[in-house]
Protein backbone atom coordinates (compact mmCIF):
# COMPACT_ATOMS: atom_id res chain seq x y z
CA CYS A 1 82.98 -57.09 164.24
CA ARG A 2 84.09 -54.43 166.54
CA LEU A 3 84.00 -50.60 167.00
CA VAL A 4 87.30 -48.88 166.75
CA ALA A 5 88.08 -45.39 167.86
CA ILE A 6 89.61 -43.24 165.14
CA PRO A 7 92.41 -41.02 166.36
CA GLY A 8 91.79 -37.33 165.84
CA PHE A 9 93.42 -33.97 166.27
CA ALA A 10 91.73 -30.60 167.01
CA ASP A 11 92.92 -27.08 167.15
CA GLN A 12 91.43 -23.69 166.31
CA ARG A 13 91.21 -24.63 162.60
CA GLY A 14 88.99 -27.65 163.23
CA ARG A 15 89.43 -31.34 163.57
CA LEU A 16 91.35 -33.93 161.58
CA SER A 17 91.01 -37.71 161.87
CA VAL A 18 93.35 -40.28 160.36
CA ILE A 19 92.85 -43.91 159.12
CA ASP A 20 96.32 -45.19 158.17
CA GLY A 21 95.64 -48.93 158.10
CA PRO A 22 97.35 -51.24 160.56
CA PRO A 23 97.24 -51.25 163.54
CA LEU A 24 94.04 -49.18 163.59
CA VAL A 25 92.37 -51.48 161.07
CA PRO A 26 93.74 -55.04 160.70
CA PHE A 27 94.45 -54.71 156.90
CA GLN A 28 96.16 -52.59 154.40
CA PRO A 29 93.60 -50.35 152.69
CA ARG A 30 93.25 -50.91 148.91
CA ARG A 31 89.96 -49.18 148.24
CA PHE A 32 87.93 -46.21 149.48
CA TYR A 33 84.31 -45.48 148.64
CA TYR A 34 81.42 -43.55 150.05
CA LEU A 35 77.66 -43.47 149.93
CA TYR A 36 75.60 -40.29 149.95
CA GLU A 37 72.20 -38.92 149.07
CA ILE A 38 70.88 -42.09 150.63
CA PRO A 39 67.14 -42.35 151.04
CA THR A 40 66.22 -42.80 154.78
CA ASP A 41 64.51 -46.10 154.14
CA ALA A 42 67.36 -47.52 152.00
CA HIS A 43 69.02 -50.85 152.90
CA ARG A 44 72.69 -50.98 151.63
CA GLY A 45 75.22 -53.77 151.82
CA CYS A 46 73.02 -56.81 152.28
CA HIS A 47 75.89 -59.21 151.52
CA ALA A 48 78.95 -60.91 152.92
CA HIS A 49 82.41 -60.74 151.46
CA LYS A 50 84.34 -63.97 151.07
CA THR A 51 87.77 -62.54 151.84
CA GLU A 52 87.43 -58.74 151.95
CA LYS A 53 87.65 -56.80 155.14
CA GLU A 54 85.91 -53.41 155.55
CA PHE A 55 86.00 -50.46 157.88
CA VAL A 56 82.72 -48.47 157.93
CA VAL A 57 82.46 -44.77 159.17
CA ALA A 58 79.57 -42.39 159.37
CA LEU A 59 81.29 -39.22 158.09
CA VAL A 60 78.05 -37.27 158.40
CA GLY A 61 74.80 -38.18 160.03
CA SER A 62 74.04 -41.62 161.43
CA PHE A 63 72.93 -45.14 160.35
CA LYS A 64 72.78 -48.66 161.80
CA VAL A 65 74.82 -51.71 160.68
CA SER A 66 73.33 -55.08 161.42
CA VAL A 67 75.78 -57.96 161.26
CA THR A 68 75.58 -61.73 161.64
CA ASP A 69 78.11 -64.59 161.39
CA GLY A 70 75.31 -66.99 160.77
CA SER A 71 74.76 -67.88 164.45
CA SER A 72 74.48 -64.56 166.25
CA ARG A 73 73.30 -61.14 165.27
CA LYS A 74 74.35 -57.72 166.55
CA GLU A 75 73.47 -54.15 165.58
CA PHE A 76 75.82 -51.15 165.75
CA GLU A 77 74.85 -47.51 165.41
CA LEU A 78 77.45 -45.30 163.71
CA LYS A 79 76.80 -41.62 164.47
CA SER A 80 80.25 -39.99 164.70
CA PRO A 81 83.29 -39.80 162.42
CA ASP A 82 85.37 -40.64 165.49
CA TRP A 83 84.38 -44.26 165.38
CA GLY A 84 84.44 -46.92 162.70
CA LEU A 85 83.17 -50.48 162.48
CA TYR A 86 85.54 -53.22 161.47
CA VAL A 87 83.66 -55.99 159.43
CA PRO A 88 85.71 -59.08 158.87
CA PRO A 89 85.19 -61.52 156.00
CA MET A 90 82.21 -63.87 156.03
CA VAL A 91 79.97 -61.54 158.08
CA TRP A 92 76.64 -60.72 156.48
CA HIS A 93 76.11 -56.91 156.95
CA GLU A 94 73.19 -54.57 156.24
CA LEU A 95 73.28 -50.78 156.59
CA HIS A 96 69.91 -49.14 157.34
CA GLY A 97 68.16 -46.50 159.31
CA PHE A 98 69.92 -43.63 157.61
CA ALA A 99 69.47 -40.17 158.98
CA PRO A 100 68.76 -37.50 156.30
CA GLY A 101 72.06 -36.24 154.72
CA SER A 102 74.11 -39.14 156.00
CA VAL A 103 77.45 -39.92 154.34
CA CYS A 104 78.95 -43.42 154.84
CA ALA A 105 82.58 -43.97 154.05
CA VAL A 106 84.16 -47.48 153.58
CA VAL A 107 87.79 -48.41 153.56
CA ALA A 108 88.29 -51.90 152.05
CA SER A 109 91.12 -54.42 151.98
CA GLU A 110 90.52 -55.40 148.22
CA PRO A 111 89.62 -53.78 144.87
CA TYR A 112 86.02 -54.21 143.89
CA ASN A 113 85.06 -57.74 142.74
CA SER A 114 81.36 -58.58 142.49
CA GLY A 115 82.13 -62.33 142.36
CA ALA A 116 83.77 -62.21 145.76
CA CYS A 117 80.51 -61.76 147.73
CA TYR A 118 77.50 -63.76 148.72
CA TYR A 119 74.33 -61.76 147.82
CA VAL A 120 71.88 -64.42 148.83
CA TYR A 121 71.58 -65.03 152.50
CA GLU A 122 70.90 -68.73 152.18
CA GLU A 123 74.01 -69.23 150.00
CA PHE A 124 76.08 -67.35 152.70
CA LEU A 125 74.71 -69.75 155.33
CA HIS A 126 75.47 -72.78 153.12
CA ALA A 127 79.06 -71.52 152.65
CA LEU A 128 79.42 -71.22 156.48
CA ARG A 129 78.22 -74.79 156.96
CA GLN A 130 80.60 -76.10 154.36
CA ARG A 131 83.53 -74.48 156.22
CA THR A 132 82.71 -76.27 159.46
CA VAL A 133 82.37 -79.68 157.72
């Protein structure tokens, strides 16, 4: 996972930021969705994609994203629409610590497919172990 600066333009009319896909994000966007009216104690995500790549942005407010590849864990705080977090496949991710009124946007590399995720952490770890055997 890595933070990526999102290019923006500003003038007297306001600011505009652009996510065009490569090279900003290392995939061609195929889906866009957003989360809003999120309770401050909510935990979202809590899964790992088998092949999908995602780019997560705090459009409004702030929240944290905890990620792990099964061996190391890192936490990112997203608090500006000028930065996004690239989440590659096979990374368990959890969004939490939402500030009131936050809006989370996600650009994804694939259409929605509930069968293309690990929703149980132990199954995710097992799949990682199988890859290294």
